[in-house]
N, C-alpha and C. Protein backbone atom coordinates (compact mmCIF):
# COMPACT_ATOMS: atom_id res chain seq x y z
N MET A 1 -82.71 -26.14 -31.04
CA MET A 1 -82.42 -27.54 -31.20
C MET A 1 -82.80 -27.95 -32.61
N ILE A 2 -81.96 -28.74 -33.21
CA ILE A 2 -82.22 -29.22 -34.56
C ILE A 2 -82.20 -30.74 -34.54
N PHE A 3 -83.24 -31.35 -35.09
CA PHE A 3 -83.33 -32.79 -35.20
C PHE A 3 -83.40 -33.15 -36.68
N VAL A 4 -82.73 -34.23 -37.05
CA VAL A 4 -82.80 -34.70 -38.43
C VAL A 4 -83.32 -36.13 -38.41
N ALA A 5 -84.39 -36.38 -39.15
CA ALA A 5 -84.96 -37.71 -39.26
C ALA A 5 -85.15 -37.99 -40.74
N ASP A 6 -84.41 -38.96 -41.25
CA ASP A 6 -84.40 -39.25 -42.69
C ASP A 6 -84.00 -37.97 -43.42
N GLN A 7 -84.86 -37.46 -44.28
CA GLN A 7 -84.55 -36.22 -44.98
C GLN A 7 -85.32 -35.02 -44.42
N ASP A 8 -86.02 -35.22 -43.32
CA ASP A 8 -86.76 -34.13 -42.69
C ASP A 8 -85.90 -33.47 -41.62
N MET A 9 -85.89 -32.16 -41.64
CA MET A 9 -85.21 -31.42 -40.59
C MET A 9 -86.26 -30.74 -39.72
N LEU A 10 -86.12 -30.92 -38.42
CA LEU A 10 -87.03 -30.32 -37.46
C LEU A 10 -86.25 -29.33 -36.62
N ILE A 11 -86.80 -28.14 -36.49
CA ILE A 11 -86.17 -27.12 -35.67
C ILE A 11 -87.09 -26.82 -34.51
N GLY A 12 -86.55 -26.90 -33.32
CA GLY A 12 -87.32 -26.59 -32.12
C GLY A 12 -86.75 -25.36 -31.45
N ILE A 13 -87.55 -24.33 -31.34
CA ILE A 13 -87.17 -23.10 -30.66
C ILE A 13 -87.93 -23.10 -29.33
N ALA A 14 -87.20 -23.08 -28.23
CA ALA A 14 -87.85 -23.15 -26.92
C ALA A 14 -87.49 -21.94 -26.07
N GLU A 15 -88.48 -21.43 -25.40
CA GLU A 15 -88.28 -20.37 -24.42
C GLU A 15 -88.68 -20.96 -23.07
N LEU A 16 -87.76 -20.92 -22.13
CA LEU A 16 -88.02 -21.45 -20.79
C LEU A 16 -88.33 -20.29 -19.86
N LYS A 17 -89.45 -20.38 -19.16
CA LYS A 17 -89.86 -19.31 -18.28
C LYS A 17 -90.01 -19.83 -16.86
N GLY A 18 -89.68 -18.97 -15.91
CA GLY A 18 -89.84 -19.30 -14.50
C GLY A 18 -91.24 -18.93 -14.04
N LYS A 19 -91.33 -17.82 -13.33
CA LYS A 19 -92.63 -17.43 -12.77
C LYS A 19 -93.43 -16.53 -13.70
N THR A 20 -92.76 -15.68 -14.45
CA THR A 20 -93.50 -14.73 -15.29
C THR A 20 -93.23 -15.00 -16.75
N ALA A 21 -94.27 -14.88 -17.54
CA ALA A 21 -94.16 -15.05 -18.98
C ALA A 21 -94.91 -13.91 -19.64
N HIS A 22 -94.18 -12.95 -20.20
CA HIS A 22 -94.79 -11.79 -20.84
C HIS A 22 -94.89 -12.03 -22.35
N ALA A 23 -96.08 -11.93 -22.88
CA ALA A 23 -96.36 -12.31 -24.26
C ALA A 23 -95.51 -11.55 -25.27
N ASP A 24 -95.37 -10.24 -25.12
CA ASP A 24 -94.60 -9.46 -26.10
C ASP A 24 -93.13 -9.87 -26.10
N GLU A 25 -92.57 -10.05 -24.92
CA GLU A 25 -91.16 -10.44 -24.78
C GLU A 25 -90.93 -11.83 -25.38
N ILE A 26 -91.80 -12.75 -25.10
CA ILE A 26 -91.67 -14.11 -25.60
C ILE A 26 -91.79 -14.14 -27.12
N THR A 27 -92.76 -13.43 -27.65
CA THR A 27 -92.94 -13.39 -29.11
C THR A 27 -91.70 -12.83 -29.80
N GLU A 28 -91.14 -11.77 -29.25
CA GLU A 28 -89.94 -11.17 -29.83
C GLU A 28 -88.75 -12.15 -29.78
N LYS A 29 -88.56 -12.81 -28.64
CA LYS A 29 -87.45 -13.76 -28.51
C LYS A 29 -87.60 -14.93 -29.47
N LEU A 30 -88.80 -15.47 -29.59
CA LEU A 30 -89.02 -16.60 -30.49
C LEU A 30 -88.80 -16.19 -31.95
N THR A 31 -89.25 -15.00 -32.31
CA THR A 31 -89.07 -14.51 -33.67
C THR A 31 -87.59 -14.33 -33.98
N ASN A 32 -86.85 -13.69 -33.09
CA ASN A 32 -85.42 -13.47 -33.30
C ASN A 32 -84.66 -14.79 -33.38
N ALA A 33 -84.98 -15.72 -32.50
CA ALA A 33 -84.30 -17.02 -32.51
C ALA A 33 -84.60 -17.78 -33.80
N SER A 34 -85.81 -17.65 -34.30
CA SER A 34 -86.19 -18.32 -35.54
C SER A 34 -85.40 -17.78 -36.73
N GLU A 35 -85.27 -16.47 -36.80
CA GLU A 35 -84.50 -15.86 -37.89
C GLU A 35 -83.05 -16.31 -37.85
N ILE A 36 -82.48 -16.36 -36.67
CA ILE A 36 -81.09 -16.82 -36.52
C ILE A 36 -80.96 -18.28 -36.95
N ALA A 37 -81.91 -19.12 -36.53
CA ALA A 37 -81.87 -20.54 -36.89
C ALA A 37 -81.94 -20.72 -38.40
N VAL A 38 -82.80 -19.97 -39.07
CA VAL A 38 -82.93 -20.09 -40.52
C VAL A 38 -81.65 -19.62 -41.21
N GLU A 39 -81.06 -18.54 -40.73
CA GLU A 39 -79.80 -18.05 -41.31
C GLU A 39 -78.68 -19.10 -41.18
N ILE A 40 -78.60 -19.73 -40.03
CA ILE A 40 -77.58 -20.77 -39.82
C ILE A 40 -77.83 -21.94 -40.76
N LEU A 41 -79.08 -22.36 -40.86
CA LEU A 41 -79.42 -23.50 -41.73
C LEU A 41 -79.09 -23.21 -43.19
N GLU A 42 -79.33 -22.00 -43.62
CA GLU A 42 -79.02 -21.64 -45.00
C GLU A 42 -77.53 -21.77 -45.28
N ARG A 43 -76.71 -21.52 -44.28
CA ARG A 43 -75.25 -21.61 -44.45
C ARG A 43 -74.73 -23.03 -44.39
N ILE A 44 -75.30 -23.84 -43.49
CA ILE A 44 -74.67 -25.15 -43.24
C ILE A 44 -75.45 -26.34 -43.78
N ALA A 45 -76.71 -26.17 -44.10
CA ALA A 45 -77.52 -27.33 -44.47
C ALA A 45 -78.23 -27.10 -45.80
N GLY A 46 -77.47 -26.75 -46.81
CA GLY A 46 -78.05 -26.41 -48.10
C GLY A 46 -78.86 -27.51 -48.74
N HIS A 47 -78.54 -28.78 -48.45
CA HIS A 47 -79.28 -29.86 -49.10
C HIS A 47 -80.63 -30.14 -48.45
N PHE A 48 -80.93 -29.50 -47.34
CA PHE A 48 -82.25 -29.64 -46.72
C PHE A 48 -83.12 -28.51 -47.27
N THR A 49 -83.99 -28.84 -48.18
CA THR A 49 -84.84 -27.81 -48.77
C THR A 49 -86.11 -27.60 -47.97
N ARG A 50 -86.42 -28.54 -47.09
CA ARG A 50 -87.66 -28.44 -46.31
C ARG A 50 -87.35 -28.67 -44.85
N PHE A 51 -87.98 -27.85 -44.02
CA PHE A 51 -87.85 -28.07 -42.58
C PHE A 51 -89.13 -27.61 -41.90
N ASP A 52 -89.40 -28.22 -40.76
CA ASP A 52 -90.54 -27.82 -39.93
C ASP A 52 -89.98 -27.13 -38.69
N MET A 53 -90.63 -26.03 -38.31
CA MET A 53 -90.17 -25.27 -37.15
C MET A 53 -91.26 -25.28 -36.09
N TYR A 54 -90.86 -25.57 -34.86
CA TYR A 54 -91.79 -25.61 -33.73
C TYR A 54 -91.34 -24.61 -32.69
N HIS A 55 -92.26 -23.78 -32.24
CA HIS A 55 -91.98 -22.76 -31.22
C HIS A 55 -92.70 -23.17 -29.95
N MET A 56 -91.92 -23.36 -28.89
CA MET A 56 -92.50 -23.80 -27.63
C MET A 56 -92.12 -22.86 -26.51
N VAL A 57 -93.06 -22.65 -25.61
CA VAL A 57 -92.78 -21.93 -24.39
C VAL A 57 -93.05 -22.90 -23.25
N LEU A 58 -92.03 -23.16 -22.46
CA LEU A 58 -92.14 -24.09 -21.35
C LEU A 58 -92.07 -23.29 -20.06
N ALA A 59 -93.05 -23.46 -19.19
CA ALA A 59 -93.11 -22.70 -17.95
C ALA A 59 -93.47 -23.61 -16.79
N LYS A 60 -93.00 -23.22 -15.60
CA LYS A 60 -93.35 -23.96 -14.39
C LYS A 60 -94.84 -23.85 -14.11
N GLU A 61 -95.35 -22.62 -14.24
CA GLU A 61 -96.77 -22.39 -14.05
C GLU A 61 -97.18 -21.22 -14.95
N TRP A 62 -98.47 -21.18 -15.27
CA TRP A 62 -98.96 -20.17 -16.20
C TRP A 62 -99.95 -19.24 -15.52
N ASP A 63 -99.80 -17.96 -15.75
CA ASP A 63 -100.81 -16.99 -15.39
C ASP A 63 -101.91 -17.14 -16.44
N PRO A 64 -103.16 -17.32 -16.04
CA PRO A 64 -104.22 -17.58 -17.01
C PRO A 64 -104.33 -16.52 -18.11
N SER A 65 -104.16 -15.24 -17.76
CA SER A 65 -104.30 -14.20 -18.78
C SER A 65 -103.15 -14.25 -19.79
N GLU A 66 -101.92 -14.48 -19.33
CA GLU A 66 -100.77 -14.60 -20.25
C GLU A 66 -100.90 -15.84 -21.12
N HIS A 67 -101.36 -16.93 -20.54
CA HIS A 67 -101.57 -18.16 -21.31
C HIS A 67 -102.57 -17.92 -22.43
N ARG A 68 -103.65 -17.23 -22.12
CA ARG A 68 -104.69 -16.94 -23.10
C ARG A 68 -104.13 -16.07 -24.24
N VAL A 69 -103.37 -15.04 -23.90
CA VAL A 69 -102.81 -14.14 -24.91
C VAL A 69 -101.82 -14.90 -25.80
N LEU A 70 -100.92 -15.66 -25.19
CA LEU A 70 -99.91 -16.40 -25.96
C LEU A 70 -100.51 -17.48 -26.83
N SER A 71 -101.56 -18.12 -26.36
CA SER A 71 -102.17 -19.20 -27.13
C SER A 71 -102.79 -18.69 -28.43
N LYS A 72 -103.08 -17.40 -28.50
CA LYS A 72 -103.66 -16.80 -29.70
C LYS A 72 -102.61 -16.20 -30.63
N ARG A 73 -101.39 -16.07 -30.15
CA ARG A 73 -100.33 -15.44 -30.94
C ARG A 73 -99.73 -16.41 -31.94
N LYS A 74 -99.17 -15.84 -33.00
CA LYS A 74 -98.45 -16.61 -34.01
C LYS A 74 -97.11 -15.91 -34.24
N ILE A 75 -96.14 -16.67 -34.70
CA ILE A 75 -94.83 -16.15 -35.07
C ILE A 75 -94.76 -16.17 -36.59
N THR A 76 -94.22 -15.14 -37.20
CA THR A 76 -94.02 -15.13 -38.64
C THR A 76 -92.53 -15.24 -38.93
N VAL A 77 -92.17 -16.31 -39.65
CA VAL A 77 -90.77 -16.56 -40.00
C VAL A 77 -90.70 -16.67 -41.52
N ARG A 78 -90.01 -15.72 -42.14
CA ARG A 78 -89.86 -15.69 -43.59
C ARG A 78 -91.19 -15.86 -44.31
N GLY A 79 -92.20 -15.17 -43.81
CA GLY A 79 -93.52 -15.18 -44.44
C GLY A 79 -94.42 -16.33 -44.04
N LYS A 80 -93.92 -17.26 -43.26
CA LYS A 80 -94.71 -18.41 -42.83
C LYS A 80 -95.21 -18.18 -41.40
N ARG A 81 -96.51 -18.35 -41.19
CA ARG A 81 -97.10 -18.19 -39.85
C ARG A 81 -96.96 -19.49 -39.08
N CYS A 82 -96.48 -19.38 -37.85
CA CYS A 82 -96.24 -20.56 -37.01
C CYS A 82 -96.95 -20.39 -35.67
N ASP A 83 -97.50 -21.48 -35.16
CA ASP A 83 -98.13 -21.47 -33.85
C ASP A 83 -97.07 -21.45 -32.75
N ILE A 84 -97.50 -21.01 -31.58
CA ILE A 84 -96.68 -21.11 -30.37
C ILE A 84 -97.32 -22.18 -29.50
N VAL A 85 -96.53 -23.18 -29.14
CA VAL A 85 -97.03 -24.29 -28.32
C VAL A 85 -96.67 -24.00 -26.87
N LEU A 86 -97.64 -24.04 -26.00
CA LEU A 86 -97.44 -23.75 -24.58
C LEU A 86 -97.51 -25.05 -23.79
N LYS A 87 -96.47 -25.31 -23.02
CA LYS A 87 -96.40 -26.55 -22.23
C LYS A 87 -95.83 -26.24 -20.86
N ARG A 88 -96.05 -27.16 -19.95
CA ARG A 88 -95.41 -27.09 -18.63
C ARG A 88 -94.04 -27.72 -18.73
N CYS A 89 -93.12 -27.24 -17.92
CA CYS A 89 -91.78 -27.83 -17.86
C CYS A 89 -91.87 -29.28 -17.40
N GLY A 90 -90.90 -30.06 -17.82
CA GLY A 90 -90.82 -31.42 -17.30
C GLY A 90 -90.95 -32.51 -18.34
N GLY A 91 -91.32 -32.18 -19.55
CA GLY A 91 -91.48 -33.20 -20.58
C GLY A 91 -90.27 -33.27 -21.49
N SER A 92 -90.20 -34.31 -22.28
CA SER A 92 -89.14 -34.48 -23.26
C SER A 92 -89.46 -33.63 -24.49
N PHE A 93 -88.51 -32.81 -24.90
CA PHE A 93 -88.72 -31.91 -26.04
C PHE A 93 -88.99 -32.71 -27.31
N SER A 94 -88.21 -33.75 -27.55
CA SER A 94 -88.39 -34.55 -28.77
C SER A 94 -89.74 -35.28 -28.75
N GLU A 95 -90.21 -35.72 -27.57
CA GLU A 95 -91.51 -36.36 -27.48
C GLU A 95 -92.64 -35.36 -27.75
N MET A 96 -92.47 -34.13 -27.29
CA MET A 96 -93.48 -33.10 -27.55
C MET A 96 -93.61 -32.84 -29.04
N ILE A 97 -92.47 -32.75 -29.72
CA ILE A 97 -92.49 -32.52 -31.17
C ILE A 97 -93.11 -33.72 -31.88
N ALA A 98 -92.77 -34.92 -31.43
CA ALA A 98 -93.33 -36.13 -32.06
C ALA A 98 -94.85 -36.12 -31.95
N ARG A 99 -95.39 -35.70 -30.80
CA ARG A 99 -96.83 -35.63 -30.62
C ARG A 99 -97.46 -34.58 -31.53
N LEU A 100 -96.77 -33.46 -31.71
CA LEU A 100 -97.29 -32.41 -32.58
C LEU A 100 -97.31 -32.84 -34.05
N ARG A 101 -96.37 -33.67 -34.44
CA ARG A 101 -96.28 -34.11 -35.83
C ARG A 101 -97.27 -35.22 -36.14
N ALA A 102 -97.76 -35.90 -35.11
CA ALA A 102 -98.67 -37.04 -35.33
C ALA A 102 -100.03 -36.62 -35.81
């Protein structure tokens, strides 16, 4: 998902999980999706020189051990380290990002 507010571009990469959330699989999916998003932006949005990227994993319920592992992981996109935000399903994606930016 891509949001544009004034001259700021916000990219939200979300992974939706049902019952199981495996840290290695999620990290790989978020990393691959981030690279694709950046490649697309480079082609279509050349005038946006700055963007913020948010990686979220939304799950119905969390296994405590997987939650602990994922909460410590980071995604690296073009040399920039990014946090992974873990949330329960049911919230507004744009509101979650707004809270993170505040």
